[in-house]
């Protein structure tokens, strides 16, 4: 007798960046659509800015935060230091590039209120990105000053956000891109202009409405197609006290948040970073990554079994000390080091194994027998890697 097995649902992912919404304002405003998504999955406090006072310290600036999500690494690797996006290091590939390498016949899309997201960060059709092409996109309206005349209240940005979210929702419903980024800007403008204010509150509530338009399209798409969608929404930075500026390393500027319709693992209770979204998508979408590239990813997946996260380290003379957060007391992990950084040039570093650790200890110390100036340290987990860069204090 033949047993008929239903075809597995096709997985799709859409992530949204709502620019510049500090955590406390999000939590103090009515956001019924974000709440509906979180009720199916979860809401987590998160952070941007890399390791404060460490090698990976990263400016809490918009494009820098976007690229940390897109590449899964901090600024010391992706090299986007500000909104001018002068010299991105495309040797740390975006999630779109890795997805297309794995699934060349599947579709990718960007719907954005800022053109540079596609042309510079994703790097569409650039030699350095292998002439990566988007299947669908909708952006550039901010340079159409006839249709969207600029004004000193950013009403034109509000209208562009409305157009972008509507277009994205329509494409989700009619085309169902496999991997999609939606970027909306108006809340950032409200923060810079008015700080913590009724105008910012209204901007947050409007952003939630626009998320709802996209979320409704996803739910309709799931009902009419054999698809399972993951949606992740986050922001790119917090703000200074008062809600206007950002860019530094204060707790308020580093504090962000995440919402998803998928249930996060235990790492979400320990303040995940924006870089964790990249491996989360890779996990969900079954995207394979070569070992040399996987060892460079700064984030860890928020789906599946959690083993360890938040690796830190110090190098004093010949002594390397590591610490991490542990989630599985029975697991062991291997520790690797290299004094080189060939990944910056798209090459492969040669790592040396220095020992095995029990993750439940949360810390380990190694005598390296040699005085290094700099080390890249990777802890190989049962399901991935965590890493940290350290410099010798002596």
Protein backbone atom coordinates (compact mmCIF):
# COMPACT_ATOMS: atom_id res chain seq x y z
CA UNK A 1 0.00 0.00 0.00
CA UNK A 2 1.28 3.47 -0.90
CA UNK A 3 1.21 6.15 1.74
CA UNK A 4 0.69 9.67 0.46
CA UNK A 5 2.81 12.27 2.23
CA UNK A 6 1.85 15.92 1.95
CA UNK A 7 4.47 18.13 0.40
CA UNK A 8 6.41 20.15 2.94
CA UNK A 9 5.45 23.79 3.12
CA UNK A 10 7.77 26.11 1.24
CA UNK A 11 9.58 28.38 3.66
CA UNK A 12 9.81 32.12 3.10
CA UNK A 13 11.22 34.96 5.21
CA UNK A 14 10.47 38.67 5.36
CA UNK A 15 12.34 41.02 7.68
CA UNK A 16 11.48 44.63 8.43
CA UNK A 17 13.60 47.44 9.85
CA UNK A 18 11.56 50.23 11.44
CA UNK A 19 14.17 52.94 11.78
CA UNK A 20 15.07 54.51 15.11
CA UNK A 21 12.32 53.29 17.44
CA UNK A 22 13.70 53.15 20.95
CA UNK A 23 12.55 50.27 23.06
CA UNK A 24 10.72 52.12 25.80
CA UNK A 25 8.61 54.09 23.32
CA UNK A 26 7.67 50.94 21.44
CA UNK A 27 6.53 49.35 24.70
CA UNK A 28 4.56 52.45 25.73
CA UNK A 29 2.59 52.77 22.49
CA UNK A 30 -0.35 50.71 21.22
CA UNK A 31 1.01 48.38 18.51
CA UNK A 32 -1.73 45.82 17.84
CA UNK A 33 -0.11 44.34 14.75
CA UNK A 34 3.30 43.85 16.33
CA UNK A 35 1.50 42.41 19.35
CA UNK A 36 -0.36 39.95 17.13
CA UNK A 37 2.90 38.79 15.55
CA UNK A 38 4.61 38.49 18.93
CA UNK A 39 1.69 36.49 20.31
CA UNK A 40 2.42 33.81 17.71
CA UNK A 41 6.16 33.89 18.32
CA UNK A 42 7.88 36.28 20.63
CA UNK A 43 9.23 39.69 21.58
CA UNK A 44 12.79 40.17 22.84
CA UNK A 45 14.95 42.98 24.10
CA UNK A 46 17.97 43.23 21.82
CA UNK A 47 21.03 45.37 21.24
CA UNK A 48 23.21 46.96 18.57
CA UNK A 49 26.68 48.47 18.77
CA UNK A 50 28.92 45.39 19.02
CA UNK A 51 31.02 44.79 22.11
CA UNK A 52 31.27 48.06 24.00
CA UNK A 53 34.94 49.04 24.45
CA UNK A 54 35.92 45.90 22.54
CA UNK A 55 37.29 45.19 19.09
CA UNK A 56 33.80 44.97 17.58
CA UNK A 57 32.40 48.22 19.04
CA UNK A 58 30.08 49.54 16.35
CA UNK A 59 28.53 53.00 15.87
CA UNK A 60 24.80 53.06 16.63
CA UNK A 61 24.10 54.65 13.26
CA UNK A 62 21.43 53.60 10.80
CA UNK A 63 23.30 52.13 7.82
CA UNK A 64 25.80 50.52 10.17
CA UNK A 65 22.97 48.73 11.96
CA UNK A 66 21.29 47.68 8.72
CA UNK A 67 24.51 46.12 7.50
CA UNK A 68 25.10 44.28 10.77
CA UNK A 69 21.74 42.60 10.16
CA UNK A 70 22.44 41.95 6.46
CA UNK A 71 25.88 40.41 7.06
CA UNK A 72 25.66 38.99 10.59
CA UNK A 73 28.88 40.76 11.59
CA UNK A 74 29.91 43.98 13.35
CA UNK A 75 31.67 46.99 11.87
CA UNK A 76 35.20 45.64 12.36
CA UNK A 77 34.30 43.19 9.59
CA UNK A 78 31.65 44.74 7.31
CA UNK A 79 33.36 48.18 7.38
CA UNK A 80 30.21 50.30 6.98
CA UNK A 81 31.04 53.02 9.49
CA UNK A 82 28.37 55.58 8.66
CA UNK A 83 25.49 56.49 6.41
CA UNK A 84 27.82 57.47 3.56
CA UNK A 85 28.56 53.72 3.09
CA UNK A 86 31.99 54.46 1.60
CA UNK A 87 33.82 51.13 1.57
CA UNK A 88 31.65 48.12 2.46
CA UNK A 89 33.64 44.91 2.72
CA UNK A 90 31.60 42.59 0.54
CA UNK A 91 33.85 39.67 1.53
CA UNK A 92 31.38 39.37 4.39
CA UNK A 93 28.41 38.46 2.18
CA UNK A 94 24.86 39.62 2.78
CA UNK A 95 22.05 37.21 3.52
CA UNK A 96 20.78 37.83 -0.02
CA UNK A 97 24.04 36.74 -1.63
CA UNK A 98 24.26 33.56 0.44
CA UNK A 99 20.62 32.76 -0.29
CA UNK A 100 21.08 33.15 -4.05
CA UNK A 101 24.25 31.04 -3.95
CA UNK A 102 22.22 28.26 -2.34
CA UNK A 103 19.00 28.75 -4.29
CA UNK A 104 19.68 30.57 -7.58
CA UNK A 105 16.13 29.98 -8.83
CA UNK A 106 14.42 31.41 -5.77
CA UNK A 107 13.52 35.08 -5.51
CA UNK A 108 14.81 37.97 -3.40
CA UNK A 109 13.27 41.40 -2.90
CA UNK A 110 13.93 44.78 -1.30
CA UNK A 111 11.23 47.39 -0.65
CA UNK A 112 12.82 50.47 0.87
CA UNK A 113 12.41 54.16 1.64
CA UNK A 114 16.16 54.57 1.08
CA UNK A 115 17.71 53.69 -2.27
CA UNK A 116 21.20 53.06 -0.87
CA UNK A 117 19.98 49.97 0.93
CA UNK A 118 19.76 48.14 -2.38
CA UNK A 119 22.46 49.84 -4.40
CA UNK A 120 25.19 50.11 -1.75
CA UNK A 121 24.50 47.76 1.16
CA UNK A 122 23.09 44.82 -0.78
CA UNK A 123 25.32 46.02 -3.62
CA UNK A 124 23.07 45.08 -6.50
CA UNK A 125 24.90 44.41 -9.76
CA UNK A 126 28.29 45.40 -8.37
CA UNK A 127 31.36 43.46 -9.40
CA UNK A 128 32.28 43.02 -5.72
CA UNK A 129 29.00 41.18 -5.05
CA UNK A 130 29.25 39.00 -8.14
CA UNK A 131 26.67 41.17 -9.91
CA UNK A 132 23.94 40.04 -7.53
CA UNK A 133 20.50 40.98 -8.89
CA UNK A 134 17.26 41.45 -7.01
CA UNK A 135 14.22 39.77 -8.51
CA UNK A 136 11.90 42.49 -7.20
CA UNK A 137 12.46 45.92 -5.73
CA UNK A 138 10.65 49.17 -5.02
CA UNK A 139 12.70 52.15 -3.86
CA UNK A 140 14.21 55.47 -4.89
CA UNK A 141 11.08 57.53 -4.27
CA UNK A 142 13.04 59.93 -2.08
CA UNK A 143 14.84 61.24 -5.16
CA UNK A 144 11.56 61.81 -7.01
CA UNK A 145 11.02 65.33 -5.75
CA UNK A 146 8.17 66.00 -8.21
CA UNK A 147 5.94 63.24 -6.86
CA UNK A 148 7.28 63.56 -3.31
CA UNK A 149 8.33 67.19 -2.76
CA UNK A 150 10.54 67.48 0.30
CA UNK A 151 9.20 69.39 3.29
CA UNK A 152 10.51 70.33 6.72
CA UNK A 153 8.08 68.01 8.56
CA UNK A 154 9.08 64.83 6.67
CA UNK A 155 5.53 64.34 5.41
CA UNK A 156 7.08 63.15 2.15
CA UNK A 157 8.89 60.36 4.01
CA UNK A 158 5.60 59.36 5.64
CA UNK A 159 3.99 59.12 2.20
CA UNK A 160 6.94 57.13 0.84
CA UNK A 161 6.71 54.68 3.75
CA UNK A 162 3.02 54.26 2.94
CA UNK A 163 3.81 53.58 -0.72
CA UNK A 164 6.64 51.18 0.12
CA UNK A 165 4.63 49.14 2.63
CA UNK A 166 1.63 48.96 0.30
CA UNK A 167 3.76 47.90 -2.66
CA UNK A 168 5.56 45.31 -0.55
CA UNK A 169 2.27 43.86 0.68
CA UNK A 170 0.93 43.61 -2.86
CA UNK A 171 4.09 41.84 -4.04
CA UNK A 172 3.97 39.45 -1.09
CA UNK A 173 0.42 38.53 -2.01
CA UNK A 174 0.90 38.27 -5.77
CA UNK A 175 4.53 37.15 -6.13
CA UNK A 176 5.57 35.71 -2.77
CA UNK A 177 9.32 36.51 -2.82
CA UNK A 178 11.31 33.90 -0.93
CA UNK A 179 13.53 36.37 0.98
CA UNK A 180 12.40 39.95 1.47
CA UNK A 181 13.65 43.10 3.22
CA UNK A 182 11.28 45.99 3.95
CA UNK A 183 12.73 49.23 5.29
CA UNK A 184 10.62 52.14 6.62
CA UNK A 185 12.16 55.45 7.71
CA UNK A 186 9.53 57.87 9.05
CA UNK A 187 9.98 57.06 12.73
CA UNK A 188 13.67 57.98 12.55
CA UNK A 189 12.77 61.39 11.14
CA UNK A 190 10.25 61.96 13.92
CA UNK A 191 12.84 61.06 16.54
CA UNK A 192 15.45 63.41 15.16
CA UNK A 193 12.98 66.28 14.77
CA UNK A 194 10.83 65.95 17.87
CA UNK A 195 12.46 63.45 20.24
CA UNK A 196 10.11 61.74 22.67
CA UNK A 197 6.91 63.42 21.58
CA UNK A 198 3.34 62.99 20.34
CA UNK A 199 4.77 63.13 16.81
CA UNK A 200 7.07 60.17 17.53
CA UNK A 201 4.21 58.26 19.15
CA UNK A 202 2.07 58.84 16.06
CA UNK A 203 4.95 57.68 13.87
CA UNK A 204 5.29 54.44 15.82
CA UNK A 205 1.59 53.76 15.55
CA UNK A 206 1.65 54.44 11.81
CA UNK A 207 4.63 52.08 11.40
CA UNK A 208 2.64 49.41 13.23
CA UNK A 209 -0.27 49.94 10.84
CA UNK A 210 2.07 49.53 7.87
CA UNK A 211 3.49 46.35 9.37
CA UNK A 212 -0.10 45.16 9.68
CA UNK A 213 -0.69 45.63 5.96
CA UNK A 214 2.29 43.40 5.20
CA UNK A 215 1.37 40.90 7.93
CA UNK A 216 -2.16 40.59 6.53
CA UNK A 217 -0.70 39.87 3.09
CA UNK A 218 1.51 37.13 4.56
CA UNK A 219 -1.44 35.50 6.32
CA UNK A 220 -3.52 35.58 3.14
CA UNK A 221 -0.61 34.16 1.18
CA UNK A 222 -0.24 31.29 3.64
CA UNK A 223 -3.93 30.45 3.35
CA UNK A 224 -3.85 30.21 -0.44
CA UNK A 225 -0.39 28.69 -0.97
CA UNK A 226 1.53 25.83 0.58
CA UNK A 227 3.92 28.23 2.33
CA UNK A 228 5.20 28.93 5.82
CA UNK A 229 6.48 32.45 6.44
CA UNK A 230 8.79 33.80 9.09
CA UNK A 231 8.56 37.53 9.75
CA UNK A 232 11.12 39.36 11.90
CA UNK A 233 10.81 43.05 12.77
CA UNK A 234 13.50 45.09 14.48
CA UNK A 235 15.06 48.53 14.64
CA UNK A 236 18.59 49.73 13.89
CA UNK A 237 19.44 51.76 17.02
CA UNK A 238 18.07 53.31 20.15
CA UNK A 239 18.43 56.98 21.08
CA UNK A 240 20.02 59.26 23.61
CA UNK A 241 17.96 60.31 26.61
CA UNK A 242 15.24 62.58 25.23
CA UNK A 243 14.88 60.57 22.07
CA UNK A 244 16.68 62.65 19.44
CA UNK A 245 20.29 61.71 18.74
CA UNK A 246 22.19 58.44 18.48
CA UNK A 247 25.53 57.08 17.37
CA UNK A 248 27.28 56.48 20.68
CA UNK A 249 27.50 53.63 23.16
CA UNK A 250 25.10 54.65 25.91
CA UNK A 251 22.70 51.96 27.09
CA UNK A 252 19.82 53.93 25.59
CA UNK A 253 21.48 54.13 22.15
CA UNK A 254 22.37 50.42 22.16
CA UNK A 255 18.95 49.21 23.33
CA UNK A 256 16.72 47.73 20.61
CA UNK A 257 14.10 44.98 20.24
CA UNK A 258 12.93 42.12 18.01
CA UNK A 259 9.50 40.74 17.15
CA UNK A 260 8.80 37.51 15.25
CA UNK A 261 5.98 35.07 14.56
CA UNK A 262 8.44 32.24 15.32
CA UNK A 263 9.29 31.27 18.88
CA UNK A 264 12.84 32.24 19.81
CA UNK A 265 15.11 29.91 21.78
CA UNK A 266 16.67 30.59 25.19
CA UNK A 267 19.18 33.11 23.80
CA UNK A 268 16.31 35.58 23.41
CA UNK A 269 16.11 35.86 27.21
CA UNK A 270 19.70 37.10 27.31
CA UNK A 271 19.45 40.17 25.02
CA UNK A 272 20.38 38.95 21.52
CA UNK A 273 22.19 41.20 19.04
CA UNK A 274 21.02 42.41 15.65
CA UNK A 275 23.71 40.11 14.18
CA UNK A 276 21.70 37.12 15.45
CA UNK A 277 19.00 37.72 12.84
CA UNK A 278 21.33 36.64 10.01
CA UNK A 279 22.02 33.11 11.31
CA UNK A 280 18.37 32.84 12.40
CA UNK A 281 17.28 33.37 8.79
CA UNK A 282 19.98 31.02 7.56
CA UNK A 283 18.76 28.36 9.97
CA UNK A 284 15.11 28.77 9.00
CA UNK A 285 15.77 28.91 5.25
CA UNK A 286 18.30 26.04 5.25
CA UNK A 287 21.11 28.19 3.82
CA UNK A 288 24.47 26.39 3.82
CA UNK A 289 27.64 28.38 4.55
CA UNK A 290 31.25 27.23 4.05
CA UNK A 291 33.05 26.65 7.35
CA UNK A 292 35.53 29.49 6.84
CA UNK A 293 32.65 31.95 6.40
CA UNK A 294 30.52 30.45 9.18
CA UNK A 295 33.40 30.93 11.64
CA UNK A 296 33.29 34.68 10.92
CA UNK A 297 29.58 35.19 11.64
CA UNK A 298 29.17 37.14 14.88
CA UNK A 299 25.60 36.07 15.58
CA UNK A 300 23.96 32.80 16.63
CA UNK A 301 20.58 31.43 15.59
CA UNK A 302 17.56 32.23 17.73
CA UNK A 303 15.85 29.09 16.42
CA UNK A 304 16.56 25.50 17.34
CA UNK A 305 18.58 24.27 20.29
CA UNK A 306 20.71 26.88 22.05
CA UNK A 307 24.18 25.99 23.29
CA UNK A 308 26.14 29.19 23.98
CA UNK A 309 26.27 32.89 23.12
CA UNK A 310 27.82 36.22 24.14
CA UNK A 311 31.44 35.07 23.92
CA UNK A 312 33.98 37.47 25.40
CA UNK A 313 37.73 37.14 25.84
CA UNK A 314 40.92 38.71 27.15
CA UNK A 315 44.51 38.11 26.10
CA UNK A 316 47.21 38.83 28.69
CA UNK A 317 50.67 37.82 27.56
CA UNK A 318 50.42 34.10 26.75
CA UNK A 319 47.13 33.62 28.64
CA UNK A 320 43.76 33.59 26.87
CA UNK A 321 40.63 33.73 29.05
CA UNK A 322 37.17 33.20 27.58
CA UNK A 323 33.66 33.57 29.00
CA UNK A 324 30.24 32.83 27.52
CA UNK A 325 26.58 32.29 28.35
CA UNK A 326 25.68 28.60 28.49
CA UNK A 327 22.32 26.98 27.67
CA UNK A 328 23.20 23.27 27.57
CA UNK A 329 25.16 21.88 30.50
CA UNK A 330 25.94 18.56 28.83
CA UNK A 331 27.56 19.92 25.68
CA UNK A 332 31.23 20.35 24.88
CA UNK A 333 32.88 22.62 22.34
CA UNK A 334 36.23 23.00 20.59
CA UNK A 335 38.26 26.23 20.72
CA UNK A 336 40.20 27.48 17.71
CA UNK A 337 42.51 30.50 17.28
CA UNK A 338 44.31 32.29 14.50
CA UNK A 339 46.59 35.37 14.57
CA UNK A 340 45.65 36.36 11.00
CA UNK A 341 42.66 37.97 9.30
CA UNK A 342 42.66 36.77 5.72
CA UNK A 343 38.85 36.80 5.70
CA UNK A 344 39.06 40.54 5.19
CA UNK A 345 40.41 39.81 1.72
CA UNK A 346 38.07 36.93 0.95
CA UNK A 347 40.70 34.32 1.79
CA UNK A 348 40.75 31.54 4.41
CA UNK A 349 42.48 31.79 7.77
CA UNK A 350 44.40 28.83 9.18
CA UNK A 351 43.09 28.07 12.66
CA UNK A 352 44.83 26.09 15.41
CA UNK A 353 42.83 23.99 17.85
CA UNK A 354 43.84 24.81 21.43
CA UNK A 355 41.46 22.65 23.43
CA UNK A 356 38.02 21.43 24.37
CA UNK A 357 35.71 23.09 26.89
CA UNK A 358 32.64 22.05 28.81
CA UNK A 359 30.01 24.68 28.07
CA UNK A 360 28.44 24.44 31.54
CA UNK A 361 31.59 26.01 33.04
CA UNK A 362 30.91 29.30 31.26
CA UNK A 363 34.61 30.13 31.23
CA UNK A 364 37.99 28.70 30.26
CA UNK A 365 41.66 29.72 30.41
CA UNK A 366 44.40 28.62 28.01
CA UNK A 367 48.19 28.87 28.11
CA UNK A 368 49.04 29.60 24.48
CA UNK A 369 52.83 29.09 24.88
CA UNK A 370 53.31 32.16 22.70
CA UNK A 371 52.80 35.90 23.02
CA UNK A 372 50.34 37.02 20.28
CA UNK A 373 49.46 40.64 19.60
CA UNK A 374 46.03 39.74 18.20
CA UNK A 375 43.85 36.63 17.97
CA UNK A 376 40.60 35.62 16.36
CA UNK A 377 39.01 33.07 18.68
CA UNK A 378 36.24 30.69 17.58
CA UNK A 379 34.32 28.28 19.77
CA UNK A 380 32.86 25.46 17.70
CA UNK A 381 29.45 24.50 19.08
CA UNK A 382 27.50 21.35 18.21
CA UNK A 383 25.38 23.43 15.82
CA UNK A 384 27.55 26.38 14.81
CA UNK A 385 30.16 28.85 16.01
CA UNK A 386 30.64 31.86 18.27
CA UNK A 387 33.68 34.11 18.00
CA UNK A 388 35.51 37.06 19.50
CA UNK A 389 38.56 39.12 18.53
CA UNK A 390 41.07 39.97 21.26
CA UNK A 391 44.22 42.08 21.48
CA UNK A 392 47.06 41.52 23.93
CA UNK A 393 46.84 43.80 26.96
CA UNK A 394 50.56 43.41 27.52
